[in-house]
Amino acid sequence: RERERESVCFTLNSPIKINERERERERERERERERERERERERERESREREREREREREREREREREREREIIENFSCSCSCYSLLSI
């Protein structure tokens, strides 16, 4: 029985088993690094998407402003010649 225990102990702690466990830990660390890289890429994609959305909103606001200016000019009525200055 003592020999069996020593044998099992030796087998579990043999250089080969230790190496296998170390390689498995290294693979797990690499998988974790890859998951972290993927999370980082996802954060970057989300950030770019938010920036694109902000830019679209700024463009919509500029378009609304241009539309307001056009309406002001179109609805402007005056008997003098200042209208021609506004339309320039």
Protein backbone atom coordinates (compact mmCIF):
# COMPACT_ATOMS: atom_id res chain seq x y z
CA ARG A 1 0.00 0.00 0.00
CA GLU A 2 2.80 2.43 0.87
CA ARG A 3 4.48 1.57 -2.41
CA GLU A 4 1.27 2.19 -4.31
CA ARG A 5 0.94 5.56 -2.65
CA GLU A 6 4.54 6.42 -3.47
CA SER A 7 4.03 5.22 -7.01
CA VAL A 8 0.92 7.36 -7.45
CA CYS A 9 2.69 10.27 -5.83
CA PHE A 10 5.68 9.83 -8.11
CA THR A 11 3.45 9.53 -11.18
CA LEU A 12 1.55 12.71 -10.30
CA ASN A 13 4.75 14.58 -9.59
CA SER A 14 6.87 13.16 -12.35
CA PRO A 15 8.61 15.67 -14.63
CA ILE A 16 6.31 14.59 -17.47
CA LYS A 17 3.14 15.23 -15.44
CA ILE A 18 4.52 18.49 -14.10
CA ASN A 19 5.31 19.53 -17.65
CA GLU A 20 1.85 18.57 -18.85
CA ARG A 21 0.23 20.58 -16.08
CA GLU A 22 2.46 23.55 -16.82
CA ARG A 23 1.61 23.36 -20.52
CA GLU A 24 -2.08 23.19 -19.67
CA ARG A 25 -1.75 26.23 -17.41
CA GLU A 26 0.07 28.06 -20.18
CA ARG A 27 -2.67 27.14 -22.67
CA GLU A 28 -5.26 28.42 -20.22
CA ARG A 29 -3.34 31.67 -19.78
CA GLU A 30 -3.15 32.03 -23.56
CA ARG A 31 -6.89 31.42 -23.88
CA GLU A 32 -7.48 34.08 -21.24
CA ARG A 33 -5.21 36.52 -23.09
CA GLU A 34 -7.13 35.80 -26.29
CA ARG A 35 -10.45 36.42 -24.53
CA GLU A 36 -9.07 39.70 -23.21
CA ARG A 37 -7.92 40.70 -26.70
CA GLU A 38 -11.38 39.88 -28.02
CA ARG A 39 -13.00 41.98 -25.30
CA GLU A 40 -10.66 44.84 -26.20
CA ARG A 41 -11.53 44.55 -29.90
CA GLU A 42 -15.21 44.58 -28.96
CA ARG A 43 -14.74 47.72 -26.85
CA GLU A 44 -12.93 49.38 -29.76
CA ARG A 45 -15.71 48.43 -32.18
CA GLU A 46 -18.31 49.83 -29.82
CA SER A 47 -16.30 53.00 -29.39
CA ARG A 48 -16.00 53.47 -33.15
CA GLU A 49 -19.72 52.84 -33.55
CA ARG A 50 -20.55 55.44 -30.88
CA GLU A 51 -18.26 57.93 -32.62
CA ARG A 52 -19.95 57.25 -35.97
CA GLU A 53 -23.34 57.76 -34.34
CA ARG A 54 -22.20 61.06 -32.81
CA GLU A 55 -20.94 62.17 -36.21
CA ARG A 56 -24.26 61.24 -37.83
CA GLU A 57 -26.08 63.22 -35.15
CA ARG A 58 -23.83 66.24 -35.75
CA GLU A 59 -24.54 65.98 -39.47
CA ARG A 60 -28.30 65.79 -38.82
CA GLU A 61 -28.01 68.87 -36.62
CA ARG A 62 -26.10 70.74 -39.34
CA GLU A 63 -28.78 69.73 -41.83
CA ARG A 64 -31.55 70.96 -39.51
CA GLU A 65 -29.67 74.24 -39.12
CA ARG A 66 -29.35 74.63 -42.91
CA GLU A 67 -33.05 73.86 -43.24
CA ARG A 68 -33.93 76.53 -40.66
CA GLU A 69 -31.77 79.02 -42.54
CA ARG A 70 -33.49 78.15 -45.84
CA GLU A 71 -36.90 78.58 -44.23
CA ILE A 72 -35.93 81.96 -42.83
CA ILE A 73 -34.70 83.09 -46.22
CA GLU A 74 -37.72 81.69 -48.07
CA ASN A 75 -40.18 83.24 -45.64
CA PHE A 76 -38.46 86.55 -45.50
CA SER A 77 -40.44 89.37 -47.02
CA CYS A 78 -39.39 92.93 -47.27
CA SER A 79 -40.06 95.71 -49.72
CA CYS A 80 -36.49 96.87 -49.82
CA SER A 81 -33.54 95.22 -51.54
CA CYS A 82 -32.15 93.56 -48.40
CA TYR A 83 -33.71 90.25 -49.51
CA SER A 84 -31.20 89.99 -52.31
CA LEU A 85 -28.41 90.37 -49.77
CA LEU A 86 -29.80 87.51 -47.70
CA SER A 87 -29.96 85.14 -50.61
CA ILE A 88 -26.29 85.57 -51.45
